[in-house]
Amino acid sequence: MTIQTGHSGVALFMSLDLAGSTAFKAQAAGDYESPEWLEVFEAFFREVPLIMMGQVGTALEDEDDIPHIGVWKVIGDEIVFIAYPRTEREAELLLMAFYRTVVLYDKKMFERWPLRIKGCCWAAQISRRNRAIEIHEVVGGDSEGVYLDYLGPDVDTGFRLAACVGRGQVIVSTNLVHLVSESDRGTGIRFHYVGRKLLKGVYKGRPYPLFLMSMPDLMPATWEWEAEEDPGLVELRRDQPMSPKEICSMLDKVELYLNRTCHAGIEKLEFQGDSEGPTG
């Protein structure tokens, strides 16, 4: 294993997870030769990458080229994509493509089986704070058999954050929320503040602000008989997103406080323009 310090830029992580899959497997066990749940998971792992790439192609159809994107990890019933946006605009377009993938596939999945999809998108600056590592012993990476992995506090944040999102919803890391809110390009991306929560190992033990994403032309399904205690469902039904100005004011104060009092090392995302993203 080689630790690489030369890779730089922004890595965008996008996770789709099946909600309620454990209970579904138990209920649809079938026989051991061909369990009834197998069809569901075969469809999930086959269809999600195709839908994701279709949405990315549509979102970036007016761009000169498309940044590198692929499957980074498969963890149980979760697919994690990774992309290397070179500009703020590419990051926003990829976020939109991911959001549409989650919401559309959530509806498609629920039409066929009693399962839902939930999504989490987060970003990490690959520099001093977060690092890329090359694992040469793992076959199945690039053509030379090198697997590129990522380590760091901002990489870990996403996996903590993913546990805070409900069915049919998309949760977004604060650095991406801040980025989109500051640019305010009129893309239709909106954010709903749903409170704050302590995430183990994140923000030096201080609570982390939670933001759900929505777009007015494609809202997540919020079934009336879902558990009302889910703050995400309640907020999405209210459909009163927080203004970009309010979000920036909040997150500026949060970052200033944490960096000054806790030395949290929170940094703005910096893109590489037209340069190439990290490669193995």
C-alpha atoms as a PDB file:
ATOM      1  CA  MET A   1       0.000   0.000   0.000  1.00  0.00           C
ATOM      2  CA  THR A   2       1.352   3.426  -0.984  1.00  0.00           C
ATOM      3  CA  ILE A   3       0.179   6.684   0.573  1.00  0.00           C
ATOM      4  CA  GLN A   4      -0.083   9.297  -2.150  1.00  0.00           C
ATOM      5  CA  THR A   5       0.320  12.976  -1.286  1.00  0.00           C
ATOM      6  CA  GLY A   6       0.225  14.255  -4.858  1.00  0.00           C
ATOM      7  CA  HIS A   7      -3.480  13.690  -5.583  1.00  0.00           C
ATOM      8  CA  SER A   8      -5.451  16.871  -5.103  1.00  0.00           C
ATOM      9  CA  GLY A   9      -8.823  18.359  -5.886  1.00  0.00           C
ATOM     10  CA  VAL A  10     -12.359  17.676  -4.752  1.00  0.00           C
ATOM     11  CA  ALA A  11     -13.743  14.159  -4.468  1.00  0.00           C
ATOM     12  CA  LEU A  12     -17.531  13.943  -4.530  1.00  0.00           C
ATOM     13  CA  PHE A  13     -19.053  10.884  -2.857  1.00  0.00           C
ATOM     14  CA  MET A  14     -22.643   9.829  -3.613  1.00  0.00           C
ATOM     15  CA  SER A  15     -24.263   6.977  -1.690  1.00  0.00           C
ATOM     16  CA  LEU A  16     -27.518   5.176  -2.497  1.00  0.00           C
ATOM     17  CA  ASP A  17     -28.757   2.759   0.118  1.00  0.00           C
ATOM     18  CA  LEU A  18     -31.741   0.418   0.309  1.00  0.00           C
ATOM     19  CA  ALA A  19     -33.903   1.216   3.334  1.00  0.00           C
ATOM     20  CA  GLY A  20     -35.664  -1.663   5.036  1.00  0.00           C
ATOM     21  CA  SER A  21     -33.677  -4.309   3.204  1.00  0.00           C
ATOM     22  CA  THR A  22     -32.846  -6.447   6.252  1.00  0.00           C
ATOM     23  CA  ALA A  23     -36.511  -6.915   7.187  1.00  0.00           C
ATOM     24  CA  PHE A  24     -37.400  -7.544   3.544  1.00  0.00           C
ATOM     25  CA  LYS A  25     -34.813 -10.325   3.232  1.00  0.00           C
ATOM     26  CA  ALA A  26     -36.202 -12.011   6.335  1.00  0.00           C
ATOM     27  CA  GLN A  27     -39.800 -11.817   5.055  1.00  0.00           C
ATOM     28  CA  ALA A  28     -38.959 -12.922   1.506  1.00  0.00           C
ATOM     29  CA  ALA A  29     -36.476 -15.643   2.364  1.00  0.00           C
ATOM     30  CA  GLY A  30     -37.937 -18.261   0.022  1.00  0.00           C
ATOM     31  CA  ASP A  31     -35.756 -21.327  -0.485  1.00  0.00           C
ATOM     32  CA  TYR A  32     -31.993 -21.404  -0.199  1.00  0.00           C
ATOM     33  CA  GLU A  33     -31.509 -22.215  -3.872  1.00  0.00           C
ATOM     34  CA  SER A  34     -33.232 -19.064  -5.090  1.00  0.00           C
ATOM     35  CA  PRO A  35     -34.367 -16.668  -2.333  1.00  0.00           C
ATOM     36  CA  GLU A  36     -37.204 -14.354  -3.356  1.00  0.00           C
ATOM     37  CA  TRP A  37     -35.233 -11.232  -2.418  1.00  0.00           C
ATOM     38  CA  LEU A  38     -32.418 -12.027  -4.853  1.00  0.00           C
ATOM     39  CA  GLU A  39     -34.266 -10.487  -7.809  1.00  0.00           C
ATOM     40  CA  VAL A  40     -34.573  -7.182  -5.947  1.00  0.00           C
ATOM     41  CA  PHE A  41     -30.886  -6.820  -5.237  1.00  0.00           C
ATOM     42  CA  GLU A  42     -29.832  -7.965  -8.680  1.00  0.00           C
ATOM     43  CA  ALA A  43     -32.081  -5.246 -10.115  1.00  0.00           C
ATOM     44  CA  PHE A  44     -30.732  -2.644  -7.680  1.00  0.00           C
ATOM     45  CA  PHE A  45     -27.074  -3.239  -8.494  1.00  0.00           C
ATOM     46  CA  ARG A  46     -27.785  -3.532 -12.215  1.00  0.00           C
ATOM     47  CA  GLU A  47     -30.132  -0.575 -12.669  1.00  0.00           C
ATOM     48  CA  VAL A  48     -28.766   2.101 -10.327  1.00  0.00           C
ATOM     49  CA  PRO A  49     -25.436   2.634 -12.171  1.00  0.00           C
ATOM     50  CA  LEU A  50     -27.275   2.840 -15.503  1.00  0.00           C
ATOM     51  CA  ILE A  51     -29.783   5.375 -14.189  1.00  0.00           C
ATOM     52  CA  MET A  52     -27.028   7.378 -12.505  1.00  0.00           C
ATOM     53  CA  MET A  53     -24.947   7.618 -15.678  1.00  0.00           C
ATOM     54  CA  GLY A  54     -28.042   8.581 -17.662  1.00  0.00           C
ATOM     55  CA  GLN A  55     -28.819  11.400 -15.236  1.00  0.00           C
ATOM     56  CA  VAL A  56     -25.189  12.573 -15.287  1.00  0.00           C
ATOM     57  CA  GLY A  57     -25.253  12.637 -19.088  1.00  0.00           C
ATOM     58  CA  THR A  58     -28.460  14.678 -19.091  1.00  0.00           C
ATOM     59  CA  ALA A  59     -27.264  17.116 -16.422  1.00  0.00           C
ATOM     60  CA  LEU A  60     -23.954  17.753 -18.175  1.00  0.00           C
ATOM     61  CA  GLU A  61     -25.147  17.552 -21.787  1.00  0.00           C
ATOM     62  CA  ASP A  62     -24.195  21.188 -22.447  1.00  0.00           C
ATOM     63  CA  GLU A  63     -20.700  20.777 -20.994  1.00  0.00           C
ATOM     64  CA  ASP A  64     -17.633  20.152 -23.160  1.00  0.00           C
ATOM     65  CA  ASP A  65     -16.883  16.898 -21.347  1.00  0.00           C
ATOM     66  CA  ILE A  66     -17.949  14.906 -18.322  1.00  0.00           C
ATOM     67  CA  PRO A  67     -15.728  14.513 -15.249  1.00  0.00           C
ATOM     68  CA  HIS A  68     -14.647  11.052 -14.230  1.00  0.00           C
ATOM     69  CA  ILE A  69     -17.321   9.170 -12.294  1.00  0.00           C
ATOM     70  CA  GLY A  70     -17.595   5.567 -11.217  1.00  0.00           C
ATOM     71  CA  VAL A  71     -18.489   3.157  -8.432  1.00  0.00           C
ATOM     72  CA  TRP A  72     -16.110   3.594  -5.498  1.00  0.00           C
ATOM     73  CA  LYS A  73     -17.478   1.027  -3.047  1.00  0.00           C
ATOM     74  CA  VAL A  74     -20.280  -1.484  -2.632  1.00  0.00           C
ATOM     75  CA  ILE A  75     -21.038  -1.971   1.070  1.00  0.00           C
ATOM     76  CA  GLY A  76     -23.816  -4.441   1.754  1.00  0.00           C
ATOM     77  CA  ASP A  77     -26.949  -2.893   0.208  1.00  0.00           C
ATOM     78  CA  GLU A  78     -25.217   0.439  -0.487  1.00  0.00           C
ATOM     79  CA  ILE A  79     -23.585   1.738  -3.680  1.00  0.00           C
ATOM     80  CA  VAL A  80     -21.153   4.635  -3.296  1.00  0.00           C
ATOM     81  CA  PHE A  81     -20.234   6.551  -6.450  1.00  0.00           C
ATOM     82  CA  ILE A  82     -17.256   8.871  -6.679  1.00  0.00           C
ATOM     83  CA  ALA A  83     -16.683  11.771  -9.055  1.00  0.00           C
ATOM     84  CA  TYR A  84     -13.984  14.420  -9.484  1.00  0.00           C
ATOM     85  CA  PRO A  85     -15.694  17.728 -10.355  1.00  0.00           C
ATOM     86  CA  ARG A  86     -13.232  20.291 -11.677  1.00  0.00           C
ATOM     87  CA  THR A  87     -15.434  23.332 -11.132  1.00  0.00           C
ATOM     88  CA  GLU A  88     -18.204  24.461  -8.798  1.00  0.00           C
ATOM     89  CA  ARG A  89     -20.664  24.179 -11.680  1.00  0.00           C
ATOM     90  CA  GLU A  90     -19.730  20.537 -12.309  1.00  0.00           C
ATOM     91  CA  ALA A  91     -20.192  19.786  -8.612  1.00  0.00           C
ATOM     92  CA  GLU A  92     -23.688  21.299  -8.678  1.00  0.00           C
ATOM     93  CA  LEU A  93     -24.662  19.446 -11.843  1.00  0.00           C
ATOM     94  CA  LEU A  94     -23.434  16.146 -10.415  1.00  0.00           C
ATOM     95  CA  LEU A  95     -25.384  16.827  -7.220  1.00  0.00           C
ATOM     96  CA  MET A  96     -28.517  17.417  -9.289  1.00  0.00           C
ATOM     97  CA  ALA A  97     -27.960  14.187 -11.233  1.00  0.00           C
ATOM     98  CA  PHE A  98     -27.510  12.239  -8.016  1.00  0.00           C
ATOM     99  CA  TYR A  99     -30.620  13.746  -6.440  1.00  0.00           C
ATOM    100  CA  ARG A 100     -32.747  12.849  -9.464  1.00  0.00           C
ATOM    101  CA  THR A 101     -31.351   9.327  -9.457  1.00  0.00           C
ATOM    102  CA  VAL A 102     -32.334   8.810  -5.821  1.00  0.00           C
ATOM    103  CA  VAL A 103     -35.832  10.279  -6.076  1.00  0.00           C
ATOM    104  CA  LEU A 104     -36.719   8.628  -9.379  1.00  0.00           C
ATOM    105  CA  TYR A 105     -35.360   5.216  -8.408  1.00  0.00           C
ATOM    106  CA  ASP A 106     -37.030   5.433  -5.009  1.00  0.00           C
ATOM    107  CA  LYS A 107     -40.389   5.752  -6.768  1.00  0.00           C
ATOM    108  CA  LYS A 108     -39.535   2.992  -9.232  1.00  0.00           C
ATOM    109  CA  MET A 109     -38.408   0.646  -6.469  1.00  0.00           C
ATOM    110  CA  PHE A 110     -41.522   1.203  -4.346  1.00  0.00           C
ATOM    111  CA  GLU A 111     -43.779   0.479  -7.316  1.00  0.00           C
ATOM    112  CA  ARG A 112     -42.335  -3.051  -7.440  1.00  0.00           C
ATOM    113  CA  TRP A 113     -41.329  -3.935  -3.892  1.00  0.00           C
ATOM    114  CA  PRO A 114     -41.902  -2.644  -0.336  1.00  0.00           C
ATOM    115  CA  LEU A 115     -38.486  -0.975  -0.287  1.00  0.00           C
ATOM    116  CA  ARG A 116     -37.272   2.615  -0.422  1.00  0.00           C
ATOM    117  CA  ILE A 117     -34.049   4.369  -1.413  1.00  0.00           C
ATOM    118  CA  LYS A 118     -32.166   7.002   0.559  1.00  0.00           C
ATOM    119  CA  GLY A 119     -29.200   9.077  -0.518  1.00  0.00           C
ATOM    120  CA  CYS A 120     -26.234  10.936   0.949  1.00  0.00           C
ATOM    121  CA  CYS A 121     -23.843  13.220  -0.928  1.00  0.00           C
ATOM    122  CA  TRP A 122     -20.672  14.668   0.547  1.00  0.00           C
ATOM    123  CA  ALA A 123     -17.374  16.145  -0.587  1.00  0.00           C
ATOM    124  CA  ALA A 124     -13.783  16.016   0.598  1.00  0.00           C
ATOM    125  CA  GLN A 125     -10.855  18.194  -0.372  1.00  0.00           C
ATOM    126  CA  ILE A 126      -8.056  15.775  -1.222  1.00  0.00           C
ATOM    127  CA  SER A 127      -5.010  17.640   0.045  1.00  0.00           C
ATOM    128  CA  ARG A 128      -3.475  17.769   3.516  1.00  0.00           C
ATOM    129  CA  ARG A 129      -6.652  17.078   5.504  1.00  0.00           C
ATOM    130  CA  ASN A 130      -7.824  14.113   3.393  1.00  0.00           C
ATOM    131  CA  ARG A 131      -5.566  11.778   1.468  1.00  0.00           C
ATOM    132  CA  ALA A 132      -5.759   9.354  -1.433  1.00  0.00           C
ATOM    133  CA  ILE A 133      -3.999   6.024  -1.086  1.00  0.00           C
ATOM    134  CA  GLU A 134      -3.081   3.471  -3.721  1.00  0.00           C
ATOM    135  CA  ILE A 135      -3.591  -0.151  -2.707  1.00  0.00           C
ATOM    136  CA  HIS A 136      -1.599  -2.203  -5.185  1.00  0.00           C
ATOM    137  CA  GLU A 137      -2.561  -5.547  -3.698  1.00  0.00           C
ATOM    138  CA  VAL A 138      -6.226  -5.179  -4.669  1.00  0.00           C
ATOM    139  CA  VAL A 139      -7.082  -6.335  -8.179  1.00  0.00           C
ATOM    140  CA  GLY A 140     -10.051  -4.677  -9.863  1.00  0.00           C
ATOM    141  CA  GLY A 141      -9.019  -1.035  -9.723  1.00  0.00           C
ATOM    142  CA  ASP A 142      -7.573   0.514 -12.858  1.00  0.00           C
ATOM    143  CA  SER A 143      -5.853  -1.316 -15.716  1.00  0.00           C
ATOM    144  CA  GLU A 144      -2.681  -1.709 -13.641  1.00  0.00           C
ATOM    145  CA  GLY A 145      -4.509  -3.359 -10.755  1.00  0.00           C
ATOM    146  CA  VAL A 146      -4.302  -0.311  -8.474  1.00  0.00           C
ATOM    147  CA  TYR A 147      -7.243   0.492  -6.217  1.00  0.00           C
ATOM    148  CA  LEU A 148      -7.559   4.134  -5.169  1.00  0.00           C
ATOM    149  CA  ASP A 149      -9.033   4.674  -1.722  1.00  0.00           C
ATOM    150  CA  TYR A 150      -9.555   7.768   0.422  1.00  0.00           C
ATOM    151  CA  LEU A 151      -8.940   8.497   4.079  1.00  0.00           C
ATOM    152  CA  GLY A 152      -9.616  11.553   6.189  1.00  0.00           C
ATOM    153  CA  PRO A 153     -12.126  13.266   8.449  1.00  0.00           C
ATOM    154  CA  ASP A 154     -14.244  14.656   5.603  1.00  0.00           C
ATOM    155  CA  VAL A 155     -14.398  11.243   3.933  1.00  0.00           C
ATOM    156  CA  ASP A 156     -15.552   9.665   7.200  1.00  0.00           C
ATOM    157  CA  THR A 157     -18.176  12.385   7.748  1.00  0.00           C
ATOM    158  CA  GLY A 158     -20.324  11.103   4.907  1.00  0.00           C
ATOM    159  CA  PHE A 159     -20.740   7.648   6.407  1.00  0.00           C
ATOM    160  CA  ARG A 160     -21.843   9.209   9.705  1.00  0.00           C
ATOM    161  CA  LEU A 161     -24.172  11.575   7.870  1.00  0.00           C
ATOM    162  CA  ALA A 162     -25.772   8.779   5.845  1.00  0.00           C
ATOM    163  CA  ALA A 163     -27.243   7.358   9.048  1.00  0.00           C
ATOM    164  CA  CYS A 164     -29.267  10.569   9.523  1.00  0.00           C
ATOM    165  CA  VAL A 165     -31.348  10.422   6.335  1.00  0.00           C
ATOM    166  CA  GLY A 166     -34.820   8.903   5.962  1.00  0.00           C
ATOM    167  CA  ARG A 167     -36.538   7.013   3.179  1.00  0.00           C
ATOM    168  CA  GLY A 168     -36.762   8.759  -0.161  1.00  0.00           C
ATOM    169  CA  GLN A 169     -34.625  11.644   1.081  1.00  0.00           C
ATOM    170  CA  VAL A 170     -31.235  13.055   0.096  1.00  0.00           C
ATOM    171  CA  ILE A 171     -28.945  14.525   2.750  1.00  0.00           C
ATOM    172  CA  VAL A 172     -25.983  16.730   1.816  1.00  0.00           C
ATOM    173  CA  SER A 173     -22.779  17.625   3.677  1.00  0.00           C
ATOM    174  CA  THR A 174     -22.393  21.191   4.936  1.00  0.00           C
ATOM    175  CA  ASN A 175     -19.410  21.966   2.681  1.00  0.00           C
ATOM    176  CA  LEU A 176     -21.537  21.202  -0.386  1.00  0.00           C
ATOM    177  CA  VAL A 177     -24.555  23.034   1.023  1.00  0.00           C
ATOM    178  CA  HIS A 178     -22.340  26.066   1.656  1.00  0.00           C
ATOM    179  CA  LEU A 179     -20.840  25.884  -1.838  1.00  0.00           C
ATOM    180  CA  VAL A 180     -24.198  25.754  -3.621  1.00  0.00           C
ATOM    181  CA  SER A 181     -25.727  28.446  -1.391  1.00  0.00           C
ATOM    182  CA  GLU A 182     -22.831  30.844  -1.948  1.00  0.00           C
ATOM    183  CA  SER A 183     -22.925  30.453  -5.721  1.00  0.00           C
ATOM    184  CA  ASP A 184     -26.759  30.705  -5.862  1.00  0.00           C
ATOM    185  CA  ARG A 185     -26.782  30.021  -9.612  1.00  0.00           C
ATOM    186  CA  GLY A 186     -30.520  29.527  -9.860  1.00  0.00           C
ATOM    187  CA  THR A 187     -30.217  25.799 -10.589  1.00  0.00           C
ATOM    188  CA  GLY A 188     -33.310  24.975  -8.555  1.00  0.00           C
ATOM    189  CA  ILE A 189     -31.352  23.230  -5.805  1.00  0.00           C
ATOM    190  CA  ARG A 190     -32.935  23.916  -2.407  1.00  0.00           C
ATOM    191  CA  PHE A 191     -31.967  22.928   1.108  1.00  0.00           C
ATOM    192  CA  HIS A 192     -34.142  22.231   4.133  1.00  0.00           C
ATOM    193  CA  TYR A 193     -32.600  22.558   7.578  1.00  0.00           C
ATOM    194  CA  VAL A 194     -33.802  19.684   9.759  1.00  0.00           C
ATOM    195  CA  GLY A 195     -31.861  20.317  12.944  1.00  0.00           C
ATOM    196  CA  ARG A 196     -28.467  19.217  14.188  1.00  0.00           C
ATOM    197  CA  LYS A 197     -26.995  16.026  15.563  1.00  0.00           C
ATOM    198  CA  LEU A 198     -23.818  14.791  17.185  1.00  0.00           C
ATOM    199  CA  LEU A 199     -21.913  12.639  14.707  1.00  0.00           C
ATOM    200  CA  LYS A 200     -19.200  10.483  16.234  1.00  0.00           C
ATOM    201  CA  GLY A 201     -15.756  11.888  15.443  1.00  0.00           C
ATOM    202  CA  VAL A 202     -17.137  14.891  13.508  1.00  0.00           C
ATOM    203  CA  TYR A 203     -16.932  18.607  14.395  1.00  0.00           C
ATOM    204  CA  LYS A 204     -14.900  17.960  17.565  1.00  0.00           C
ATOM    205  CA  GLY A 205     -17.955  16.704  19.444  1.00  0.00           C
ATOM    206  CA  ARG A 206     -20.155  19.638  18.422  1.00  0.00           C
ATOM    207  CA  PRO A 207     -23.502  19.035  16.678  1.00  0.00           C
ATOM    208  CA  TYR A 208     -23.527  18.858  12.896  1.00  0.00           C
ATOM    209  CA  PRO A 209     -26.170  20.833  10.914  1.00  0.00           C
ATOM    210  CA  LEU A 210     -28.416  18.540   8.859  1.00  0.00           C
ATOM    211  CA  PHE A 211     -29.680  19.651   5.440  1.00  0.00           C
ATOM    212  CA  LEU A 212     -31.966  17.780   3.058  1.00  0.00           C
ATOM    213  CA  MET A 213     -31.979  18.630  -0.632  1.00  0.00           C
ATOM    214  CA  SER A 214     -35.015  19.122  -2.850  1.00  0.00           C
ATOM    215  CA  MET A 215     -35.867  20.470  -6.287  1.00  0.00           C
ATOM    216  CA  PRO A 216     -39.286  22.016  -6.976  1.00  0.00           C
ATOM    217  CA  ASP A 217     -39.858  20.017 -10.180  1.00  0.00           C
ATOM    218  CA  LEU A 218     -39.121  16.676  -8.509  1.00  0.00           C
ATOM    219  CA  MET A 219     -39.952  16.331  -4.822  1.00  0.00           C
ATOM    220  CA  PRO A 220     -39.270  13.198  -2.738  1.00  0.00           C
ATOM    221  CA  ALA A 221     -42.264  11.013  -1.927  1.00  0.00           C
ATOM    222  CA  THR A 222     -43.486  11.760   1.614  1.00  0.00           C
ATOM    223  CA  TRP A 223     -46.166   9.165   2.299  1.00  0.00           C
ATOM    224  CA  GLU A 224     -48.730  10.292   4.847  1.00  0.00           C
ATOM    225  CA  TRP A 225     -48.561   7.061   6.829  1.00  0.00           C
ATOM    226  CA  GLU A 226     -44.820   7.233   7.369  1.00  0.00           C
ATOM    227  CA  ALA A 227     -43.575   7.895  10.906  1.00  0.00           C
ATOM    228  CA  GLU A 228     -44.255  11.532  11.719  1.00  0.00           C
ATOM    229  CA  GLU A 229     -41.314  11.683  14.101  1.00  0.00           C
ATOM    230  CA  ASP A 230     -38.995  11.741  11.083  1.00  0.00           C
ATOM    231  CA  PRO A 231     -38.058  15.457  10.948  1.00  0.00           C
ATOM    232  CA  GLY A 232     -37.112  15.152   7.299  1.00  0.00           C
ATOM    233  CA  LEU A 233     -40.615  14.118   6.256  1.00  0.00           C
ATOM    234  CA  VAL A 234     -42.156  16.911   8.297  1.00  0.00           C
ATOM    235  CA  GLU A 235     -39.860  19.537   6.794  1.00  0.00           C
ATOM    236  CA  LEU A 236     -40.258  18.323   3.213  1.00  0.00           C
ATOM    237  CA  ARG A 237     -44.051  18.394   3.564  1.00  0.00           C
ATOM    238  CA  ARG A 238     -43.837  21.988   4.785  1.00  0.00           C
ATOM    239  CA  ASP A 239     -41.819  22.737   1.627  1.00  0.00           C
ATOM    240  CA  GLN A 240     -40.202  25.867   3.062  1.00  0.00           C
ATOM    241  CA  PRO A 241     -36.516  25.615   2.178  1.00  0.00           C
ATOM    242  CA  MET A 242     -33.984  27.829   3.921  1.00  0.00           C
ATOM    243  CA  SER A 243     -32.772  30.773   1.828  1.00  0.00           C
ATOM    244  CA  PRO A 244     -29.185  30.713   0.495  1.00  0.00           C
ATOM    245  CA  LYS A 245     -28.413  33.886   2.442  1.00  0.00           C
ATOM    246  CA  GLU A 246     -29.603  32.347   5.714  1.00  0.00           C
ATOM    247  CA  ILE A 247     -27.636  29.168   5.054  1.00  0.00           C
ATOM    248  CA  CYS A 248     -24.413  31.046   4.341  1.00  0.00           C
ATOM    249  CA  SER A 249     -24.835  33.171   7.466  1.00  0.00           C
ATOM    250  CA  MET A 250     -25.372  30.062   9.608  1.00  0.00           C
ATOM    251  CA  LEU A 251     -22.522  28.015   8.171  1.00  0.00           C
ATOM    252  CA  ASP A 252     -20.072  30.931   8.189  1.00  0.00           C
ATOM    253  CA  LYS A 253     -20.679  31.282  11.937  1.00  0.00           C
ATOM    254  CA  VAL A 254     -20.420  27.531  12.525  1.00  0.00           C
ATOM    255  CA  GLU A 255     -17.116  27.261  10.660  1.00  0.00           C
ATOM    256  CA  LEU A 256     -15.647  30.352  12.323  1.00  0.00           C
ATOM    257  CA  TYR A 257     -16.542  29.066  15.782  1.00  0.00           C
ATOM    258  CA  LEU A 258     -15.250  25.549  15.209  1.00  0.00           C
ATOM    259  CA  ASN A 259     -12.007  26.652  13.565  1.00  0.00           C
ATOM    260  CA  ARG A 260     -11.206  29.219  16.258  1.00  0.00           C
ATOM    261  CA  THR A 261     -12.264  27.373  19.385  1.00  0.00           C
ATOM    262  CA  CYS A 262     -11.767  23.736  18.387  1.00  0.00           C
ATOM    263  CA  HIS A 263      -9.118  23.960  15.629  1.00  0.00           C
ATOM    264  CA  ALA A 264     -11.465  21.853  13.507  1.00  0.00           C
ATOM    265  CA  GLY A 265      -9.639  22.619  10.258  1.00  0.00           C
ATOM    266  CA  ILE A 266     -12.808  23.162   8.229  1.00  0.00           C
ATOM    267  CA  GLU A 267     -11.871  24.490   4.788  1.00  0.00           C
ATOM    268  CA  LYS A 268     -13.654  25.710   1.678  1.00  0.00           C
ATOM    269  CA  LEU A 269     -13.748  23.413  -1.330  1.00  0.00           C
ATOM    270  CA  GLU A 270     -11.222  24.440  -3.974  1.00  0.00           C
ATOM    271  CA  PHE A 271     -11.520  23.126  -7.517  1.00  0.00           C
ATOM    272  CA  GLN A 272      -8.835  22.517 -10.112  1.00  0.00           C
ATOM    273  CA  GLY A 273     -10.484  24.331 -13.009  1.00  0.00           C
ATOM    274  CA  ASP A 274      -9.940  22.397 -16.208  1.00  0.00           C
ATOM    275  CA  SER A 275      -7.147  20.207 -14.815  1.00  0.00           C
ATOM    276  CA  GLU A 276      -7.553  16.477 -14.475  1.00  0.00           C
ATOM    277  CA  GLY A 277      -9.039  14.956 -11.325  1.00  0.00           C
ATOM    278  CA  PRO A 278      -7.139  12.442  -9.188  1.00  0.00           C
ATOM    279  CA  THR A 279      -6.129   9.280 -10.947  1.00  0.00           C
ATOM    280  CA  GLY A 280      -4.668   6.049  -9.772  1.00  0.00           C
END
